[in-house]
Amino acid sequence: MNLTLKNVCPGKRIALAAILTETDAYGMDHQRGMKTMTIPAHNAPSCRDVQVRCIRFIAPEDLDVSGGSPNALCNERNFKVRVFSHYIDTNFRCCDACLIV
């Protein structure tokens, strides 16, 4: 799987999670896997799109819920990937404004 993170600011790493589910004939989703990773910061002069390539999942045939032949290796299967991301690095400083009296 490839994806593009839109408008990523320079100097900030991204935490990325990709969750894989398989949908059966009744529209029910079945968990198939999750990957988490850190996307390194870029050093471009302004915010830009960042491409993430080649996220791989392994989908064992014995978990196939497609309704096809249970012993087949090539049933058509329906997968969904949900992607979540957020900045790891921020400019927030908790104690810069703390005063000791």
Protein backbone atom coordinates (compact mmCIF):
# COMPACT_ATOMS: atom_id res chain seq x y z
CA MET A 1 0.00 0.00 0.00
CA ASN A 2 1.16 3.54 -0.78
CA LEU A 3 -0.26 6.75 0.66
CA THR A 4 0.35 10.48 0.73
CA LEU A 5 0.35 12.59 3.89
CA LYS A 6 -0.87 16.04 2.86
CA ASN A 7 0.66 19.36 3.90
CA VAL A 8 3.28 18.10 6.38
CA CYS A 9 5.26 20.90 8.04
CA PRO A 10 9.08 20.81 8.01
CA GLY A 11 11.01 19.53 11.01
CA LYS A 12 8.14 17.46 12.38
CA ARG A 13 8.00 13.69 12.59
CA ILE A 14 4.69 11.92 12.04
CA ALA A 15 3.27 8.95 13.99
CA LEU A 16 1.35 6.78 11.50
CA ALA A 17 -0.96 3.80 12.10
CA ALA A 18 -2.52 1.67 9.35
CA ILE A 19 -5.31 -0.74 10.36
CA LEU A 20 -6.33 -3.52 7.97
CA THR A 21 -9.80 -5.12 8.08
CA GLU A 22 -11.52 -7.62 5.80
CA THR A 23 -15.22 -7.19 4.98
CA ASP A 24 -17.45 -10.28 4.68
CA ALA A 25 -20.62 -10.73 2.59
CA TYR A 26 -22.73 -9.26 5.43
CA GLY A 27 -20.71 -6.05 5.62
CA MET A 28 -19.02 -7.02 8.88
CA ASP A 29 -15.37 -6.03 9.32
CA HIS A 30 -12.84 -8.54 10.67
CA GLN A 31 -9.49 -7.41 12.05
CA ARG A 32 -6.52 -8.48 9.95
CA GLY A 33 -3.59 -6.42 11.13
CA MET A 34 -2.09 -3.13 12.23
CA LYS A 35 1.18 -1.37 11.55
CA THR A 36 2.60 1.64 13.35
CA MET A 37 5.61 3.62 12.21
CA THR A 38 7.44 6.90 12.54
CA ILE A 39 7.71 8.99 9.39
CA PRO A 40 10.90 11.09 9.53
CA ALA A 41 10.77 14.87 9.37
CA HIS A 42 11.53 16.57 6.05
CA ASN A 43 13.65 19.71 5.70
CA ALA A 44 11.88 21.46 2.82
CA PRO A 45 11.45 25.23 3.30
CA SER A 46 7.66 24.94 3.70
CA CYS A 47 4.89 22.38 4.29
CA ARG A 48 4.60 19.72 1.59
CA ASP A 49 3.04 16.36 0.78
CA VAL A 50 5.01 13.30 1.95
CA GLN A 51 4.68 9.96 0.18
CA VAL A 52 4.82 6.74 2.22
CA ARG A 53 5.43 3.71 0.04
CA CYS A 54 5.28 -0.03 0.34
CA ILE A 55 3.35 -0.68 3.55
CA ARG A 56 2.83 -4.44 3.42
CA PHE A 57 0.30 -6.67 5.12
CA ILE A 58 0.14 -10.47 5.08
CA ALA A 59 -3.41 -11.86 4.70
CA PRO A 60 -3.46 -15.61 5.47
CA GLU A 61 -5.88 -17.68 3.38
CA ASP A 62 -7.25 -19.50 6.44
CA LEU A 63 -8.85 -16.21 7.61
CA ASP A 64 -10.67 -15.66 4.28
CA VAL A 65 -14.30 -14.55 4.86
CA SER A 66 -15.13 -13.96 1.18
CA GLY A 67 -17.56 -16.87 0.98
CA GLY A 68 -15.57 -18.50 -1.82
CA SER A 69 -14.12 -21.99 -1.83
CA PRO A 70 -12.49 -22.56 1.58
CA ASN A 71 -9.42 -24.27 0.06
CA ALA A 72 -8.84 -21.81 -2.81
CA LEU A 73 -5.74 -19.62 -2.89
CA CYS A 74 -7.18 -16.90 -5.13
CA ASN A 75 -10.62 -15.94 -3.80
CA GLU A 76 -11.54 -12.31 -4.34
CA ARG A 77 -11.36 -10.61 -0.94
CA ASN A 78 -12.50 -7.17 0.25
CA PHE A 79 -10.06 -5.25 2.44
CA LYS A 80 -10.21 -1.78 4.02
CA VAL A 81 -7.30 0.19 5.36
CA ARG A 82 -7.83 3.00 7.84
CA VAL A 83 -4.93 5.38 8.38
CA PHE A 84 -4.41 7.64 11.39
CA SER A 85 -1.56 10.11 11.82
CA HIS A 86 -0.45 12.96 14.00
CA TYR A 87 2.64 15.07 14.62
CA ILE A 88 5.07 13.76 17.19
CA ASP A 89 7.05 17.01 17.45
CA THR A 90 5.31 20.23 18.52
CA ASN A 91 6.37 23.67 19.71
CA PHE A 92 4.36 23.31 22.93
CA ARG A 93 6.32 23.88 26.13
CA CYS A 94 4.48 23.24 29.38
CA CYS A 95 6.74 25.07 31.84
CA ASP A 96 8.11 28.04 29.88
CA ALA A 97 5.53 30.34 31.47
CA CYS A 98 5.70 28.90 35.01
CA LEU A 99 6.52 31.45 37.70
CA ILE A 100 7.94 30.47 41.06
CA VAL A 101 6.82 32.85 43.83
